[in-house]
């Protein structure tokens, strides 16, 4: 593993060389694509190496039972992973600002946009454009705080995001728009392949790895593993 990177499970480590320190990495995709599995594996890897993790769970996706499937000696590792469960977008922001000043070796926000999306939908539906703009500004501020924490503490930050289909272009776009894209220095799209438990990870943004690189992997009890016939494209 190169200096400045944190280990990821195969085959993602081969695709990305690992998880970059001093940067926000964004795993995005549709619900059920496997984003939370990646977050859990990254948190456990950090804990195994003696690090501590701030895990901000906005969707109730953190499962102790799932962690026990992945790791047998789970009690000691869970002591190194602190779970935060914000109830709304404002509380999410307060937690992010607090943990960014804490003594952590990794911050994970799964998902960055779930609570924002609820606020966005509510305000957009009422036509409150000023409040909608404020929600967008707050999302950008939260991402900025995470980016600063990553650089100042020499640590990796992971966020996950959802996607929606743009009816005009027919393309999948990340919820949160330019705020998410700008502050995410690496973006990896996770999508289903059509085969049971098989997923594809595609690099769509990176500071030095070419876009378009991809790997296929399978979600299994022990975490993830390379799909049959795995190779980096």
Protein backbone atom coordinates (compact mmCIF):
# COMPACT_ATOMS: atom_id res chain seq x y z
CA UNK A 1 0.00 0.00 0.00
CA UNK A 2 1.39 3.38 -0.99
CA UNK A 3 2.04 6.07 1.60
CA UNK A 4 -0.92 8.38 2.02
CA UNK A 5 -3.50 5.65 1.46
CA UNK A 6 -5.61 3.44 3.71
CA UNK A 7 -6.30 -0.16 2.77
CA UNK A 8 -9.60 -1.12 1.17
CA UNK A 9 -10.87 -4.68 0.65
CA UNK A 10 -10.11 -6.43 -2.62
CA UNK A 11 -10.84 -5.63 -5.35
CA UNK A 12 -11.45 -1.97 -4.49
CA UNK A 13 -7.88 -1.57 -3.26
CA UNK A 14 -6.60 -2.60 -6.67
CA UNK A 15 -8.97 -0.20 -8.43
CA UNK A 16 -8.17 2.82 -6.25
CA UNK A 17 -4.75 1.93 -4.74
CA UNK A 18 -6.60 2.33 -1.45
CA UNK A 19 -8.50 5.10 0.27
CA UNK A 20 -6.75 8.44 -0.07
CA UNK A 21 -5.93 10.45 3.04
CA UNK A 22 -6.54 14.21 3.10
CA UNK A 23 -9.51 13.75 0.76
CA UNK A 24 -13.24 13.06 0.68
CA UNK A 25 -14.14 9.88 -1.21
CA UNK A 26 -17.73 9.54 -2.36
CA UNK A 27 -19.32 6.16 -3.08
CA UNK A 28 -22.64 6.81 -4.79
CA UNK A 29 -25.44 4.85 -6.41
CA UNK A 30 -28.99 3.62 -6.06
CA UNK A 31 -30.37 2.17 -2.80
CA UNK A 32 -29.14 -1.37 -2.14
CA UNK A 33 -26.12 -1.04 -4.42
CA UNK A 34 -23.67 -1.91 -1.65
CA UNK A 35 -22.47 1.49 -0.42
CA UNK A 36 -23.06 0.71 3.25
CA UNK A 37 -21.14 -2.56 2.96
CA UNK A 38 -18.14 -0.60 1.74
CA UNK A 39 -18.49 1.85 4.62
CA UNK A 40 -18.64 -0.98 7.17
CA UNK A 41 -15.57 -2.67 5.69
CA UNK A 42 -13.60 0.58 5.69
CA UNK A 43 -14.57 1.27 9.31
CA UNK A 44 -13.54 -2.22 10.41
CA UNK A 45 -10.23 -1.96 8.58
CA UNK A 46 -9.49 1.30 10.35
CA UNK A 47 -10.43 -0.23 13.72
CA UNK A 48 -8.26 -3.30 13.08
CA UNK A 49 -5.25 -1.03 12.58
CA UNK A 50 -5.92 0.64 15.93
CA UNK A 51 -7.74 3.70 14.59
CA UNK A 52 -11.00 5.24 15.71
CA UNK A 53 -13.95 5.99 13.45
CA UNK A 54 -16.78 8.52 13.63
CA UNK A 55 -19.62 6.81 11.76
CA UNK A 56 -22.54 9.15 11.02
CA UNK A 57 -25.50 6.93 10.11
CA UNK A 58 -28.36 8.98 8.65
CA UNK A 59 -30.41 6.06 7.33
CA UNK A 60 -30.19 3.42 10.06
CA UNK A 61 -27.97 1.30 7.83
CA UNK A 62 -25.31 0.38 10.42
CA UNK A 63 -26.06 -3.21 11.47
CA UNK A 64 -24.19 -4.90 14.31
CA UNK A 65 -25.41 -8.25 12.98
CA UNK A 66 -23.87 -7.49 9.59
CA UNK A 67 -20.62 -6.49 11.29
CA UNK A 68 -20.61 -9.82 13.15
CA UNK A 69 -20.89 -11.65 9.82
CA UNK A 70 -17.80 -9.85 8.60
CA UNK A 71 -15.70 -9.91 11.76
CA UNK A 72 -15.73 -12.51 14.56
CA UNK A 73 -13.85 -10.53 17.21
CA UNK A 74 -16.28 -7.68 16.89
CA UNK A 75 -16.58 -6.34 20.45
CA UNK A 76 -13.13 -4.76 20.59
CA UNK A 77 -13.49 -3.29 17.11
CA UNK A 78 -16.91 -1.80 17.86
CA UNK A 79 -15.36 0.07 20.78
CA UNK A 80 -13.32 1.95 18.19
CA UNK A 81 -16.35 2.88 16.05
CA UNK A 82 -18.60 5.58 17.47
CA UNK A 83 -22.04 5.73 15.91
CA UNK A 84 -23.95 9.00 15.48
CA UNK A 85 -27.58 8.99 14.31
CA UNK A 86 -28.82 12.47 13.38
CA UNK A 87 -32.57 12.93 13.19
CA UNK A 88 -32.60 15.83 10.74
CA UNK A 89 -30.33 17.74 8.39
CA UNK A 90 -29.56 20.44 10.94
CA UNK A 91 -28.44 17.88 13.52
CA UNK A 92 -26.33 16.20 10.84
CA UNK A 93 -24.48 19.47 10.38
CA UNK A 94 -23.91 19.91 14.11
CA UNK A 95 -22.52 16.38 14.41
CA UNK A 96 -20.21 16.84 11.42
CA UNK A 97 -18.83 20.06 12.91
CA UNK A 98 -18.27 18.32 16.26
CA UNK A 99 -16.56 15.17 14.99
CA UNK A 100 -14.36 17.20 12.63
CA UNK A 101 -12.68 18.58 15.76
CA UNK A 102 -12.49 15.19 17.50
CA UNK A 103 -9.67 12.71 17.78
CA UNK A 104 -10.70 10.37 14.97
CA UNK A 105 -8.73 8.58 12.28
CA UNK A 106 -11.64 8.30 9.84
CA UNK A 107 -15.03 9.94 9.37
CA UNK A 108 -17.85 8.21 7.49
CA UNK A 109 -21.20 9.79 6.58
CA UNK A 110 -23.69 7.24 5.24
CA UNK A 111 -25.54 8.91 3.59
CA UNK A 112 -24.56 12.53 3.12
CA UNK A 113 -27.77 13.43 1.29
CA UNK A 114 -30.57 11.33 2.81
CA UNK A 115 -31.68 13.97 5.34
CA UNK A 116 -30.85 16.78 2.92
CA UNK A 117 -33.12 15.13 0.37
CA UNK A 118 -36.02 15.10 2.84
CA UNK A 119 -35.52 18.78 3.55
CA UNK A 120 -35.06 19.53 -0.15
CA UNK A 121 -38.28 17.73 -1.11
CA UNK A 122 -40.27 19.42 1.65
CA UNK A 123 -39.10 22.92 0.83
CA UNK A 124 -39.16 22.43 -2.91
CA UNK A 125 -42.74 21.21 -2.65
CA UNK A 126 -43.73 24.40 -0.81
CA UNK A 127 -41.97 26.61 -3.31
CA UNK A 128 -39.73 28.13 -0.63
CA UNK A 129 -36.80 28.93 -2.89
CA UNK A 130 -34.93 30.96 -0.27
CA UNK A 131 -34.98 28.09 2.20
CA UNK A 132 -34.02 25.66 -0.54
CA UNK A 133 -30.99 27.77 -1.34
CA UNK A 134 -30.09 27.78 2.34
CA UNK A 135 -30.29 23.97 2.43
CA UNK A 136 -27.93 23.82 -0.56
CA UNK A 137 -25.52 26.23 1.14
CA UNK A 138 -25.58 24.14 4.30
CA UNK A 139 -24.80 20.97 2.34
CA UNK A 140 -21.82 22.71 0.79
CA UNK A 141 -20.66 23.92 4.22
CA UNK A 142 -20.89 20.41 5.66
CA UNK A 143 -18.84 19.01 2.80
CA UNK A 144 -16.33 21.83 3.27
CA UNK A 145 -15.95 20.99 6.97
CA UNK A 146 -15.31 17.34 6.12
CA UNK A 147 -12.76 18.27 3.47
CA UNK A 148 -10.91 20.56 5.88
CA UNK A 149 -10.88 17.86 8.57
CA UNK A 150 -9.44 15.35 6.10
CA UNK A 151 -6.59 17.68 5.16
CA UNK A 152 -5.83 18.97 8.63
CA UNK A 153 -5.87 15.54 10.31
CA UNK A 154 -4.31 13.61 7.42
CA UNK A 155 -7.21 11.16 7.37
CA UNK A 156 -9.66 9.72 4.86
CA UNK A 157 -13.29 10.79 4.85
CA UNK A 158 -16.00 8.69 3.21
CA UNK A 159 -19.43 9.92 2.22
CA UNK A 160 -22.15 8.13 0.32
CA UNK A 161 -24.71 9.71 -1.98
CA UNK A 162 -27.86 8.77 -3.85
CA UNK A 163 -28.58 9.25 -7.52
CA UNK A 164 -31.60 10.28 -9.58
CA UNK A 165 -32.38 10.01 -13.26
CA UNK A 166 -32.37 13.29 -15.16
CA UNK A 167 -35.35 13.04 -17.48
CA UNK A 168 -33.92 15.61 -19.88
CA UNK A 169 -30.52 13.96 -20.39
CA UNK A 170 -31.36 10.38 -19.44
CA UNK A 171 -28.24 10.34 -17.25
CA UNK A 172 -27.91 9.37 -13.60
CA UNK A 173 -26.93 12.37 -11.49
CA UNK A 174 -25.79 12.68 -7.89
CA UNK A 175 -28.23 14.24 -5.45
CA UNK A 176 -26.63 17.38 -4.05
CA UNK A 177 -25.29 18.46 -7.42
CA UNK A 178 -22.19 20.61 -7.66
CA UNK A 179 -21.67 20.84 -3.89
CA UNK A 180 -21.16 17.09 -3.65
CA UNK A 181 -19.08 16.92 -6.82
CA UNK A 182 -16.78 19.79 -5.93
CA UNK A 183 -15.82 18.66 -2.45
CA UNK A 184 -15.56 14.96 -3.34
CA UNK A 185 -12.00 14.50 -4.60
CA UNK A 186 -12.74 10.88 -5.55
CA UNK A 187 -16.10 9.58 -6.76
CA UNK A 188 -16.92 5.93 -7.31
CA UNK A 189 -20.26 4.82 -8.71
CA UNK A 190 -21.58 1.53 -7.33
CA UNK A 191 -24.18 -0.21 -9.46
CA UNK A 192 -25.87 -3.56 -9.88
CA UNK A 193 -24.82 -5.80 -12.75
CA UNK A 194 -27.97 -7.91 -12.99
CA UNK A 195 -26.33 -10.92 -11.34
CA UNK A 196 -27.32 -11.86 -7.82
CA UNK A 197 -25.07 -10.11 -5.25
CA UNK A 198 -22.72 -8.85 -7.98
CA UNK A 199 -21.87 -5.17 -8.20
CA UNK A 200 -19.68 -2.92 -10.32
CA UNK A 201 -17.51 -0.06 -9.03
CA UNK A 202 -16.60 2.63 -11.57
CA UNK A 203 -14.23 5.56 -11.01
CA UNK A 204 -15.95 8.73 -12.25
CA UNK A 205 -13.61 11.25 -10.62
CA UNK A 206 -10.15 11.04 -9.12
CA UNK A 207 -7.19 13.35 -8.68
CA UNK A 208 -4.74 11.09 -10.52
CA UNK A 209 -6.43 7.81 -11.47
CA UNK A 210 -8.06 7.84 -14.95
CA UNK A 211 -11.84 7.92 -15.04
CA UNK A 212 -13.61 4.83 -16.29
CA UNK A 213 -11.61 2.21 -14.42
CA UNK A 214 -13.92 -0.45 -13.04
CA UNK A 215 -14.08 -3.70 -11.12
CA UNK A 216 -16.82 -6.18 -10.36
CA UNK A 217 -17.29 -7.66 -6.92
CA UNK A 218 -19.72 -9.85 -5.02
CA UNK A 219 -21.31 -9.08 -1.65
CA UNK A 220 -20.86 -12.11 0.61
CA UNK A 221 -21.22 -12.87 4.32
CA UNK A 222 -17.55 -12.10 4.91
CA UNK A 223 -17.79 -8.70 3.16
CA UNK A 224 -16.99 -8.44 -0.53
CA UNK A 225 -14.83 -10.48 -2.87
CA UNK A 226 -13.75 -10.22 -6.50
CA UNK A 227 -16.41 -11.41 -8.91
CA UNK A 228 -15.70 -14.43 -11.05
CA UNK A 229 -13.35 -13.51 -13.88
CA UNK A 230 -12.35 -10.35 -12.01
CA UNK A 231 -9.97 -7.98 -13.75
CA UNK A 232 -9.46 -4.23 -13.78
CA UNK A 233 -10.70 -2.55 -16.95
